[in-house]
């Protein structure tokens, strides 16, 4: 190698130029090469087990939901994408048996969907309507009203008139209460372990029945007041808040029930 200063050839191993004393190139560092160890042949990896779709269990009613469905076909509860068996196996501790699955019970109000809460609200409004005024008569600054439970009106409403019920027997009020209880049982029954039959559009039918009952009584009260000639000068009479609340409660229940059925069919 030649000196970069004067061009004189520098002997191998010399650190300075023998002609001008300029520093030569640094000595190359020794490179340690690690010994090569022959790799041992490894056993072939076992093929991964094929993923098999597992049926999901509804956290709301416990019914078995077919793989791939996003909602329970029994109660309409939204189902997660994770299979039940896989989630249970991961929740188990290492010391537990592989075949053991963990079960959970969701019985709180948080498992109710907004549509179910809306349907319960409609049913509750229908029950409240029975204690509100169904008929109101106002004259000369004074007014008088009667609910579906009061003896002077109870047996003289539409259904009571059809079946010939006594004047003090609240047929309409009892019928509304029975329909509302049936609707609540359909919605909340699975939360308390009740075996509820799967009846398509059951909530729609119950809500429609309440709304129709309200409309029939509205028309019947108008007809009776008109035929009795109560609407004289200075007298105002007609259906009141209770009838309107019953119709509204029935419509809300039927609408929420219909949307729940649509979600089930789309799942």
Protein backbone atom coordinates (compact mmCIF):
# COMPACT_ATOMS: atom_id res chain seq x y z
CA UNK A 1 0.00 0.00 0.00
CA UNK A 2 1.41 3.48 -0.88
CA UNK A 3 1.63 6.49 1.44
CA UNK A 4 -1.18 8.97 0.91
CA UNK A 5 1.25 11.84 1.61
CA UNK A 6 4.38 11.11 -0.47
CA UNK A 7 3.43 8.05 -2.45
CA UNK A 8 6.19 5.84 -0.99
CA UNK A 9 5.26 2.17 -0.64
CA UNK A 10 4.60 1.30 3.03
CA UNK A 11 5.67 -2.20 4.10
CA UNK A 12 2.95 -4.51 5.33
CA UNK A 13 2.39 -4.13 9.08
CA UNK A 14 4.04 -0.65 9.25
CA UNK A 15 1.92 2.02 10.97
CA UNK A 16 3.89 5.04 9.59
CA UNK A 17 5.50 5.91 6.23
CA UNK A 18 9.24 5.17 6.24
CA UNK A 19 9.82 8.16 3.91
CA UNK A 20 7.81 11.05 5.39
CA UNK A 21 6.55 9.67 8.72
CA UNK A 22 2.91 10.15 7.82
CA UNK A 23 0.50 7.84 9.62
CA UNK A 24 -0.41 4.84 7.57
CA UNK A 25 -3.78 3.11 7.35
CA UNK A 26 -5.09 1.51 10.60
CA UNK A 27 -4.43 -2.17 11.01
CA UNK A 28 -7.47 -4.24 10.13
CA UNK A 29 -9.33 -5.65 13.14
CA UNK A 30 -9.43 -9.37 13.52
CA UNK A 31 -12.82 -10.82 12.76
CA UNK A 32 -13.89 -13.73 14.92
CA UNK A 33 -16.01 -16.21 13.02
CA UNK A 34 -18.26 -18.29 15.33
CA UNK A 35 -18.10 -22.00 14.82
CA UNK A 36 -20.85 -23.37 12.63
CA UNK A 37 -23.04 -25.94 14.39
CA UNK A 38 -24.96 -28.26 12.18
CA UNK A 39 -28.71 -27.75 12.66
CA UNK A 40 -30.63 -30.74 13.90
CA UNK A 41 -33.60 -31.68 11.72
CA UNK A 42 -36.83 -30.64 13.48
CA UNK A 43 -39.97 -32.67 13.54
CA UNK A 44 -42.66 -31.44 11.13
CA UNK A 45 -45.26 -29.21 12.76
CA UNK A 46 -48.62 -30.78 13.37
CA UNK A 47 -51.28 -29.43 11.03
CA UNK A 48 -53.61 -26.93 12.67
CA UNK A 49 -57.01 -28.27 13.52
CA UNK A 50 -59.73 -27.17 11.16
CA UNK A 51 -62.01 -24.50 12.56
CA UNK A 52 -65.48 -25.89 12.94
CA UNK A 53 -68.40 -23.47 13.48
CA UNK A 54 -69.83 -23.90 16.96
CA UNK A 55 -73.43 -23.20 17.89
CA UNK A 56 -73.91 -20.14 20.09
CA UNK A 57 -76.07 -20.00 23.21
CA UNK A 58 -78.21 -16.89 23.72
CA UNK A 59 -77.17 -15.03 26.91
CA UNK A 60 -80.74 -13.82 27.34
CA UNK A 61 -82.95 -16.93 27.04
CA UNK A 62 -80.39 -19.74 26.71
CA UNK A 63 -81.69 -20.97 23.35
CA UNK A 64 -79.25 -22.50 20.86
CA UNK A 65 -78.47 -20.17 17.96
CA UNK A 66 -77.15 -21.59 14.67
CA UNK A 67 -73.59 -20.59 13.64
CA UNK A 68 -73.40 -17.32 11.74
CA UNK A 69 -76.59 -15.77 13.11
CA UNK A 70 -76.27 -12.34 14.67
CA UNK A 71 -79.48 -12.41 16.72
CA UNK A 72 -81.32 -15.06 18.77
CA UNK A 73 -84.34 -16.37 16.85
CA UNK A 74 -86.14 -16.99 20.14
CA UNK A 75 -85.94 -13.63 21.90
CA UNK A 76 -84.13 -11.29 19.48
CA UNK A 77 -81.06 -10.82 21.70
CA UNK A 78 -77.97 -9.64 19.81
CA UNK A 79 -75.35 -12.42 19.64
CA UNK A 80 -71.60 -11.76 19.56
CA UNK A 81 -69.37 -13.21 16.83
CA UNK A 82 -67.42 -15.39 19.26
CA UNK A 83 -68.68 -18.97 19.64
CA UNK A 84 -69.82 -19.83 23.13
CA UNK A 85 -67.58 -22.86 23.47
CA UNK A 86 -64.47 -20.92 22.42
CA UNK A 87 -65.13 -18.12 24.88
CA UNK A 88 -65.75 -20.58 27.69
CA UNK A 89 -62.53 -22.49 26.98
CA UNK A 90 -60.47 -19.30 27.05
CA UNK A 91 -62.08 -18.24 30.36
CA UNK A 92 -61.08 -21.54 32.01
CA UNK A 93 -57.85 -21.70 34.04
CA UNK A 94 -54.93 -23.86 32.83
CA UNK A 95 -55.62 -26.45 35.52
CA UNK A 96 -59.19 -27.08 34.39
CA UNK A 97 -60.16 -29.83 32.01
CA UNK A 98 -60.31 -28.93 28.33
CA UNK A 99 -63.85 -30.19 27.92
CA UNK A 100 -65.23 -28.07 30.72
CA UNK A 101 -67.20 -25.00 29.61
CA UNK A 102 -68.05 -21.96 31.67
CA UNK A 103 -71.64 -20.76 31.68
CA UNK A 104 -72.90 -17.33 32.54
CA UNK A 105 -76.38 -16.09 33.31
CA UNK A 106 -77.42 -12.61 32.30
CA UNK A 107 -80.54 -11.73 34.23
CA UNK A 108 -80.13 -7.99 34.61
CA UNK A 109 -82.10 -5.20 33.03
CA UNK A 110 -79.10 -4.38 30.82
CA UNK A 111 -79.82 -7.46 28.68
CA UNK A 112 -83.07 -5.88 27.49
CA UNK A 113 -82.78 -4.21 24.11
CA UNK A 114 -84.14 -0.68 23.55
CA UNK A 115 -86.97 -2.07 21.42
CA UNK A 116 -88.00 -4.44 24.20
CA UNK A 117 -87.92 -1.59 26.70
CA UNK A 118 -90.06 0.43 24.31
CA UNK A 119 -92.61 -2.38 24.09
CA UNK A 120 -92.71 -2.65 27.90
CA UNK A 121 -93.21 1.12 28.06
CA UNK A 122 -96.18 0.86 25.67
CA UNK A 123 -97.74 -1.90 27.78
CA UNK A 124 -97.21 0.14 30.94
CA UNK A 125 -98.90 3.14 29.33
CA UNK A 126 -101.89 0.96 28.48
CA UNK A 127 -102.18 -0.14 32.13
CA UNK A 128 -101.91 3.46 33.34
CA UNK A 129 -104.70 4.44 30.94
CA UNK A 130 -107.19 2.39 32.96
CA UNK A 131 -106.91 4.76 35.94
CA UNK A 132 -107.10 7.91 33.82
CA UNK A 133 -110.37 9.55 32.80
CA UNK A 134 -112.08 7.78 29.89
CA UNK A 135 -115.13 10.06 29.81
CA UNK A 136 -115.24 13.70 30.83
CA UNK A 137 -118.28 15.94 31.04
CA UNK A 138 -117.91 19.68 31.66
CA UNK A 139 -120.72 22.16 32.22
CA UNK A 140 -120.89 25.66 33.65
CA UNK A 141 -117.37 25.60 35.04
CA UNK A 142 -117.70 22.18 36.69
CA UNK A 143 -116.49 18.86 35.31
CA UNK A 144 -116.89 15.17 36.08
CA UNK A 145 -114.93 12.21 34.76
CA UNK A 146 -114.81 8.43 35.09
CA UNK A 147 -112.09 5.84 34.57
CA UNK A 148 -112.38 2.29 33.28
CA UNK A 149 -112.48 0.97 36.87
CA UNK A 150 -115.39 3.09 38.12
CA UNK A 151 -118.75 1.42 38.52
CA UNK A 152 -120.79 4.05 36.73
CA UNK A 153 -118.84 3.48 33.49
CA UNK A 154 -117.01 0.14 33.76
CA UNK A 155 -119.76 -2.17 32.55
CA UNK A 156 -121.05 0.31 29.98
CA UNK A 157 -117.96 0.38 27.77
CA UNK A 158 -117.74 -1.40 24.42
CA UNK A 159 -116.70 -4.94 25.46
CA UNK A 160 -118.83 -4.85 28.59
CA UNK A 161 -121.79 -3.83 26.47
CA UNK A 162 -121.19 -6.64 23.98
CA UNK A 163 -121.05 -9.37 26.62
CA UNK A 164 -123.76 -7.85 28.83
CA UNK A 165 -121.52 -7.38 31.88
CA UNK A 166 -122.90 -5.77 35.05
CA UNK A 167 -122.47 -2.00 35.33
CA UNK A 168 -119.89 -2.27 38.10
CA UNK A 169 -117.75 -5.00 36.47
CA UNK A 170 -114.60 -3.45 34.86
CA UNK A 171 -114.33 -5.69 31.79
CA UNK A 172 -112.19 -3.31 29.74
CA UNK A 173 -109.76 -2.59 32.56
CA UNK A 174 -109.26 -6.27 33.38
CA UNK A 175 -108.80 -7.14 29.70
CA UNK A 176 -106.15 -4.43 29.28
CA UNK A 177 -104.34 -5.66 32.40
CA UNK A 178 -104.34 -9.26 31.13
CA UNK A 179 -102.98 -8.29 27.71
CA UNK A 180 -100.24 -6.15 29.28
CA UNK A 181 -99.16 -8.95 31.64
CA UNK A 182 -98.98 -11.39 28.72
CA UNK A 183 -96.76 -8.98 26.78
CA UNK A 184 -94.41 -8.43 29.72
CA UNK A 185 -94.14 -12.21 30.22
CA UNK A 186 -93.11 -12.65 26.57
CA UNK A 187 -90.38 -10.03 26.92
CA UNK A 188 -89.04 -10.49 30.45
CA UNK A 189 -89.93 -14.14 31.05
CA UNK A 190 -86.59 -15.55 29.79
CA UNK A 191 -84.72 -13.26 32.21
CA UNK A 192 -86.23 -15.07 35.20
CA UNK A 193 -85.97 -18.56 33.72
CA UNK A 194 -89.50 -18.85 32.31
CA UNK A 195 -90.03 -21.10 29.31
CA UNK A 196 -91.75 -18.74 26.92
CA UNK A 197 -93.24 -20.14 23.71
CA UNK A 198 -91.94 -18.65 20.47
CA UNK A 199 -94.96 -17.03 18.81
CA UNK A 200 -94.13 -14.91 15.74
CA UNK A 201 -95.47 -11.34 15.92
CA UNK A 202 -97.03 -11.98 19.34
CA UNK A 203 -96.15 -8.48 20.60
CA UNK A 204 -97.51 -6.97 17.41
CA UNK A 205 -100.83 -8.75 17.95
CA UNK A 206 -101.05 -7.70 21.61
CA UNK A 207 -100.24 -4.06 20.83
CA UNK A 208 -102.72 -4.00 17.96
CA UNK A 209 -105.41 -5.46 20.25
CA UNK A 210 -104.87 -2.66 22.77
CA UNK A 211 -104.99 0.04 20.09
CA UNK A 212 -108.14 -1.42 18.53
CA UNK A 213 -109.79 -1.63 21.96
CA UNK A 214 -109.05 2.05 22.49
CA UNK A 215 -110.46 3.04 19.09
CA UNK A 216 -113.63 0.96 19.63
CA UNK A 217 -114.26 2.60 22.99
CA UNK A 218 -113.58 6.06 21.57
CA UNK A 219 -116.24 5.53 18.91
CA UNK A 220 -118.63 3.87 21.36
CA UNK A 221 -118.38 6.68 23.92
CA UNK A 222 -118.97 9.29 21.20
CA UNK A 223 -122.01 7.36 19.98
CA UNK A 224 -123.50 6.95 23.47
CA UNK A 225 -123.04 10.60 24.39
CA UNK A 226 -124.53 11.71 21.10
CA UNK A 227 -127.57 9.44 21.40
CA UNK A 228 -128.15 10.53 25.01
CA UNK A 229 -128.30 14.17 23.94
CA UNK A 230 -125.81 15.27 26.60
CA UNK A 231 -124.07 17.78 24.36
CA UNK A 232 -126.51 20.62 25.05
CA UNK A 233 -125.77 24.32 25.32
CA UNK A 234 -122.85 24.92 27.63
CA UNK A 235 -122.15 21.18 28.10
CA UNK A 236 -119.01 19.54 26.76
CA UNK A 237 -118.67 15.74 26.83
CA UNK A 238 -116.49 13.16 25.12
CA UNK A 239 -113.70 10.62 25.41
CA UNK A 240 -110.78 11.73 27.57
CA UNK A 241 -107.12 11.08 28.35
CA UNK A 242 -107.42 7.39 29.24
CA UNK A 243 -108.72 6.39 25.80
CA UNK A 244 -105.96 8.31 24.03
CA UNK A 245 -103.28 6.81 26.29
CA UNK A 246 -104.59 3.31 25.57
CA UNK A 247 -104.43 3.85 21.80
CA UNK A 248 -100.91 5.32 22.03
CA UNK A 249 -99.66 2.49 24.27
CA UNK A 250 -100.98 -0.11 21.85
CA UNK A 251 -99.36 1.57 18.85
CA UNK A 252 -95.96 1.82 20.61
CA UNK A 253 -96.09 -1.85 21.64
CA UNK A 254 -97.06 -3.03 18.16
CA UNK A 255 -94.38 -0.89 16.47
CA UNK A 256 -91.59 -2.11 18.77
CA UNK A 257 -92.76 -5.71 18.37
CA UNK A 258 -92.74 -5.39 14.59
CA UNK A 259 -89.18 -4.01 14.54
CA UNK A 260 -88.05 -6.84 16.82
CA UNK A 261 -89.47 -9.38 14.37
CA UNK A 262 -87.69 -7.63 11.50
CA UNK A 263 -84.38 -7.92 13.35
CA UNK A 264 -84.96 -11.62 13.95
CA UNK A 265 -85.61 -12.26 10.27
CA UNK A 266 -82.56 -10.22 9.26
CA UNK A 267 -80.27 -12.16 11.60
